[in-house]
PDB file of N, CA and C in Angstrom:
ATOM      1  N   MET A   1      -2.055  -2.894   0.497  1.00  0.00           N
ATOM      2  CA  MET A   1      -2.214  -3.256  -0.929  1.00  0.00           C
ATOM      3  C   MET A   1      -1.842  -4.560  -1.540  1.00  0.00           C
ATOM      4  N   TYR A   2      -2.620  -5.103  -2.439  1.00  0.00           N
ATOM      5  CA  TYR A   2      -2.522  -6.682  -2.238  1.00  0.00           C
ATOM      6  C   TYR A   2      -0.696  -6.984  -2.460  1.00  0.00           C
ATOM      7  N   LYS A   3      -0.448  -7.960  -1.835  1.00  0.00           N
ATOM      8  CA  LYS A   3       0.463  -9.117  -2.130  1.00  0.00           C
ATOM      9  C   LYS A   3       2.006  -7.906  -1.681  1.00  0.00           C
ATOM     10  N   ILE A   4       1.844  -6.960  -0.797  1.00  0.00           N
ATOM     11  CA  ILE A   4       2.602  -6.548   0.161  1.00  0.00           C
ATOM     12  C   ILE A   4       2.417  -6.698   1.626  1.00  0.00           C
ATOM     13  N   ASP A   5       2.803  -7.486   2.541  1.00  0.00           N
ATOM     14  CA  ASP A   5       2.882  -7.344   3.472  1.00  0.00           C
ATOM     15  C   ASP A   5       3.747  -6.072   4.309  1.00  0.00           C
ATOM     16  N   CYS A   6       3.431  -5.846   4.585  1.00  0.00           N
ATOM     17  CA  CYS A   6       4.419  -4.222   5.019  1.00  0.00           C
ATOM     18  C   CYS A   6       3.904  -4.312   6.904  1.00  0.00           C
ATOM     19  N   PRO A   7       4.817  -4.233   7.374  1.00  0.00           N
ATOM     20  CA  PRO A   7       4.286  -3.859   9.307  1.00  0.00           C
ATOM     21  C   PRO A   7       3.250  -2.412   9.367  1.00  0.00           C
ATOM     22  N   ASP A   8       2.947  -2.457  10.736  1.00  0.00           N
ATOM     23  CA  ASP A   8       1.985  -1.434  11.082  1.00  0.00           C
ATOM     24  C   ASP A   8       3.406  -1.304  11.617  1.00  0.00           C
ATOM     25  N   GLY A   9       3.313   0.448  12.107  1.00  0.00           N
ATOM     26  CA  GLY A   9       4.102   1.269  12.938  1.00  0.00           C
ATOM     27  C   GLY A   9       4.538   0.432  13.386  1.00  0.00           C
ATOM     28  N   ARG A  10       4.073  -0.128  14.444  1.00  0.00           N
ATOM     29  CA  ARG A  10       4.282  -0.225  15.839  1.00  0.00           C
ATOM     30  C   ARG A  10       5.543  -1.641  16.549  1.00  0.00           C
ATOM     31  N   LYS A  11       5.744  -1.893  14.550  1.00  0.00           N
ATOM     32  CA  LYS A  11       6.335  -3.246  14.660  1.00  0.00           C
ATOM     33  C   LYS A  11       7.047  -2.435  14.164  1.00  0.00           C
ATOM     34  N   PRO A  12       8.700  -3.758  14.458  1.00  0.00           N
ATOM     35  CA  PRO A  12       9.549  -3.845  14.398  1.00  0.00           C
ATOM     36  C   PRO A  12       9.966  -3.595  12.771  1.00  0.00           C
ATOM     37  N   PHE A  13      10.735  -2.247  12.549  1.00  0.00           N
ATOM     38  CA  PHE A  13      10.686  -1.751  10.005  1.00  0.00           C
ATOM     39  C   PHE A  13       9.285  -1.422  10.155  1.00  0.00           C
ATOM     40  N   GLY A  14       8.381  -0.461  10.906  1.00  0.00           N
ATOM     41  CA  GLY A  14       7.242   0.068  10.579  1.00  0.00           C
ATOM     42  C   GLY A  14       7.688   1.137   9.959  1.00  0.00           C
ATOM     43  N   LYS A  15       8.265   1.870  10.686  1.00  0.00           N
ATOM     44  CA  LYS A  15       8.290   2.980   9.785  1.00  0.00           C
ATOM     45  C   LYS A  15       9.354   3.124   8.574  1.00  0.00           C
ATOM     46  N   GLU A  16      10.147   2.130   8.484  1.00  0.00           N
ATOM     47  CA  GLU A  16      10.973   1.987   7.510  1.00  0.00           C
ATOM     48  C   GLU A  16       9.853   1.662   6.538  1.00  0.00           C
ATOM     49  N   ALA A  17       9.107   0.515   6.745  1.00  0.00           N
ATOM     50  CA  ALA A  17       8.194   0.354   5.884  1.00  0.00           C
ATOM     51  C   ALA A  17       7.634   1.546   4.732  1.00  0.00           C
ATOM     52  N   LYS A  18       6.521   1.981   6.055  1.00  0.00           N
ATOM     53  CA  LYS A  18       5.920   2.946   5.833  1.00  0.00           C
ATOM     54  C   LYS A  18       6.411   4.305   4.590  1.00  0.00           C
ATOM     55  N   LYS A  19       7.462   4.322   5.499  1.00  0.00           N
ATOM     56  CA  LYS A  19       8.245   5.062   4.631  1.00  0.00           C
ATOM     57  C   LYS A  19       8.514   5.105   2.935  1.00  0.00           C
ATOM     58  N   TYR A  20       8.988   2.828   2.651  1.00  0.00           N
ATOM     59  CA  TYR A  20       9.280   2.980   1.533  1.00  0.00           C
ATOM     60  C   TYR A  20       7.948   2.629   0.917  1.00  0.00           C
ATOM     61  N   THR A  21       7.089   2.205   1.373  1.00  0.00           N
ATOM     62  CA  THR A  21       5.922   2.654   0.842  1.00  0.00           C
ATOM     63  C   THR A  21       5.354   3.698  -0.165  1.00  0.00           C
ATOM     64  N   ALA A  22       5.454   4.807   0.848  1.00  0.00           N
ATOM     65  CA  ALA A  22       5.314   6.176   0.494  1.00  0.00           C
ATOM     66  C   ALA A  22       6.032   6.523  -0.771  1.00  0.00           C
ATOM     67  N   SER A  23       6.921   6.739  -0.370  1.00  0.00           N
ATOM     68  CA  SER A  23       8.155   6.818  -1.845  1.00  0.00           C
ATOM     69  C   SER A  23       7.785   6.360  -3.064  1.00  0.00           C
ATOM     70  N   LEU A  24       7.065   4.938  -2.580  1.00  0.00           N
ATOM     71  CA  LEU A  24       6.955   4.674  -3.979  1.00  0.00           C
ATOM     72  C   LEU A  24       5.195   5.130  -5.191  1.00  0.00           C
ATOM     73  N   VAL A  25       4.606   6.280  -4.218  1.00  0.00           N
ATOM     74  CA  VAL A  25       2.839   6.977  -4.538  1.00  0.00           C
ATOM     75  C   VAL A  25       3.712   8.347  -4.967  1.00  0.00           C
ATOM     76  N   ALA A  26       4.970   8.728  -4.736  1.00  0.00           N
ATOM     77  CA  ALA A  26       5.030  10.672  -3.821  1.00  0.00           C
ATOM     78  C   ALA A  26       4.751  11.196  -4.821  1.00  0.00           C
ATOM     79  N   ARG A  27       4.211  12.059  -4.997  1.00  0.00           N
ATOM     80  CA  ARG A  27       4.045  12.837  -6.275  1.00  0.00           C
ATOM     81  C   ARG A  27       3.733  12.601  -7.248  1.00  0.00           C
ATOM     82  N   LYS A  28       3.626  11.085  -7.470  1.00  0.00           N
ATOM     83  CA  LYS A  28       2.587  10.719  -8.575  1.00  0.00           C
ATOM     84  C   LYS A  28       1.537  10.306  -8.926  1.00  0.00           C
ATOM     85  N   SER A  29       0.483  10.577  -9.311  1.00  0.00           N
ATOM     86  CA  SER A  29      -1.710   9.801 -10.076  1.00  0.00           C
ATOM     87  C   SER A  29      -1.143   8.760  -9.846  1.00  0.00           C
ATOM     88  N   THR A  30      -1.968   8.625  -8.539  1.00  0.00           N
ATOM     89  CA  THR A  30      -2.568   7.424  -8.163  1.00  0.00           C
ATOM     90  C   THR A  30      -3.844   6.677  -8.360  1.00  0.00           C
ATOM     91  N   GLN A  31      -3.806   5.005  -8.090  1.00  0.00           N
ATOM     92  CA  GLN A  31      -5.505   4.580  -8.476  1.00  0.00           C
ATOM     93  C   GLN A  31      -5.118   3.625  -7.065  1.00  0.00           C
ATOM     94  N   VAL A  32      -6.665   2.961  -6.665  1.00  0.00           N
ATOM     95  CA  VAL A  32      -6.396   1.838  -6.210  1.00  0.00           C
ATOM     96  C   VAL A  32      -7.900   1.294  -6.601  1.00  0.00           C
ATOM     97  N   THR A  33      -7.645  -0.131  -7.125  1.00  0.00           N
ATOM     98  CA  THR A  33      -9.079  -0.610  -8.033  1.00  0.00           C
ATOM     99  C   THR A  33      -8.722  -1.451  -6.417  1.00  0.00           C
ATOM    100  N   LYS A  34     -10.135  -1.659  -5.749  1.00  0.00           N
ATOM    101  CA  LYS A  34     -10.580  -2.441  -4.265  1.00  0.00           C
ATOM    102  C   LYS A  34     -10.851  -3.686  -5.367  1.00  0.00           C
ATOM    103  N   LEU A  35     -10.341  -4.639  -4.478  1.00  0.00           N
ATOM    104  CA  LEU A  35     -10.139  -6.476  -4.537  1.00  0.00           C
ATOM    105  C   LEU A  35     -11.129  -7.219  -3.915  1.00  0.00           C
ATOM    106  N   ASP A  36     -11.194  -6.695  -2.471  1.00  0.00           N
ATOM    107  CA  ASP A  36     -11.468  -7.938  -1.338  1.00  0.00           C
ATOM    108  C   ASP A  36     -11.103  -6.912  -0.270  1.00  0.00           C
ATOM    109  N   SER A  37     -11.859  -6.882   1.221  1.00  0.00           N
ATOM    110  CA  SER A  37     -11.860  -6.840   2.129  1.00  0.00           C
ATOM    111  C   SER A  37     -11.534  -7.684   3.152  1.00  0.00           C
ATOM    112  N   ASP A  38     -10.734  -7.430   4.681  1.00  0.00           N
ATOM    113  CA  ASP A  38      -9.628  -8.430   5.472  1.00  0.00           C
ATOM    114  C   ASP A  38     -11.166  -8.414   6.346  1.00  0.00           C
ATOM    115  N   LYS A  39     -10.565  -9.553   7.510  1.00  0.00           N
ATOM    116  CA  LYS A  39     -11.036  -9.840   8.171  1.00  0.00           C
ATOM    117  C   LYS A  39     -11.068  -8.363   9.118  1.00  0.00           C
ATOM    118  N   TYR A  40     -10.180  -7.475   9.207  1.00  0.00           N
ATOM    119  CA  TYR A  40     -10.678  -6.400   9.702  1.00  0.00           C
ATOM    120  C   TYR A  40     -11.471  -5.209   8.956  1.00  0.00           C
ATOM    121  N   CYS A  41     -11.777  -5.818   8.314  1.00  0.00           N
ATOM    122  CA  CYS A  41     -13.007  -4.553   6.612  1.00  0.00           C
ATOM    123  C   CYS A  41     -12.049  -4.042   6.656  1.00  0.00           C
ATOM    124  N   ARG A  42     -10.567  -3.915   6.357  1.00  0.00           N
ATOM    125  CA  ARG A  42      -9.643  -3.688   5.656  1.00  0.00           C
ATOM    126  C   ARG A  42      -9.576  -3.169   4.539  1.00  0.00           C
ATOM    127  N   MET A  43      -9.716  -2.760   3.144  1.00  0.00           N
ATOM    128  CA  MET A  43      -9.537  -2.618   1.781  1.00  0.00           C
ATOM    129  C   MET A  43      -8.562  -3.471   1.407  1.00  0.00           C
ATOM    130  N   ILE A  44      -8.520  -4.493   0.419  1.00  0.00           N
ATOM    131  CA  ILE A  44      -7.193  -4.728  -0.125  1.00  0.00           C
ATOM    132  C   ILE A  44      -6.974  -4.480  -1.705  1.00  0.00           C
ATOM    133  N   GLY A  45      -6.498  -3.855  -2.271  1.00  0.00           N
ATOM    134  CA  GLY A  45      -6.761  -3.194  -3.397  1.00  0.00           C
ATOM    135  C   GLY A  45      -5.327  -3.677  -4.054  1.00  0.00           C
ATOM    136  N   VAL A  46      -5.646  -3.314  -5.278  1.00  0.00           N
ATOM    137  CA  VAL A  46      -3.919  -2.503  -6.572  1.00  0.00           C
ATOM    138  C   VAL A  46      -3.878  -1.342  -7.024  1.00  0.00           C
ATOM    139  N   ALA A  47      -2.640  -1.308  -6.476  1.00  0.00           N
ATOM    140  CA  ALA A  47      -2.373   0.587  -6.720  1.00  0.00           C
ATOM    141  C   ALA A  47      -1.538   0.516  -7.759  1.00  0.00           C
ATOM    142  N   THR A  48      -2.096   1.856  -8.604  1.00  0.00           N
ATOM    143  CA  THR A  48      -1.672   2.087  -9.825  1.00  0.00           C
ATOM    144  C   THR A  48      -0.804   3.046  -9.747  1.00  0.00           C
ATOM    145  N   ALA A  49       0.430   3.891  -9.545  1.00  0.00           N
ATOM    146  CA  ALA A  49       1.393   5.103  -9.981  1.00  0.00           C
ATOM    147  C   ALA A  49       1.241   5.560 -11.594  1.00  0.00           C
ATOM    148  N   ASN A  50       1.042   7.105 -12.078  1.00  0.00           N
ATOM    149  CA  ASN A  50       1.380   7.159 -13.224  1.00  0.00           C
ATOM    150  C   ASN A  50       1.010   5.650 -13.986  1.00  0.00           C
ATOM    151  N   GLY A  51      -0.305   5.329 -13.858  1.00  0.00           N
ATOM    152  CA  GLY A  51      -0.556   4.521 -14.996  1.00  0.00           C
ATOM    153  C   GLY A  51      -0.024   2.856 -14.808  1.00  0.00           C
ATOM    154  N   LYS A  52       0.939   2.710 -13.707  1.00  0.00           N
ATOM    155  CA  LYS A  52       1.808   1.349 -13.691  1.00  0.00           C
ATOM    156  C   LYS A  52       1.927   0.759 -12.281  1.00  0.00           C
ATOM    157  N   ARG A  53       1.703  -0.301 -12.409  1.00  0.00           N
ATOM    158  CA  ARG A  53       1.489  -0.948 -11.458  1.00  0.00           C
ATOM    159  C   ARG A  53       2.574  -0.823 -10.027  1.00  0.00           C
ATOM    160  N   GLN A  54       1.965  -1.107  -8.735  1.00  0.00           N
ATOM    161  CA  GLN A  54       3.393  -0.888  -8.080  1.00  0.00           C
ATOM    162  C   GLN A  54       3.883  -1.721  -6.791  1.00  0.00           C
TER     163      GLN A  54
END
């Protein structure tokens, strides 16, 4: 996500980071607007949940 630097699951605090970011959108209507792609061709986007930017 844009402006979020979250470690992946193999790095320190990766599992905790995944759990927290998932809690931001759990059981909510979500939408991601693509802004760009990184050097690994992963999408960079802005996420909204229930119409509010996360």
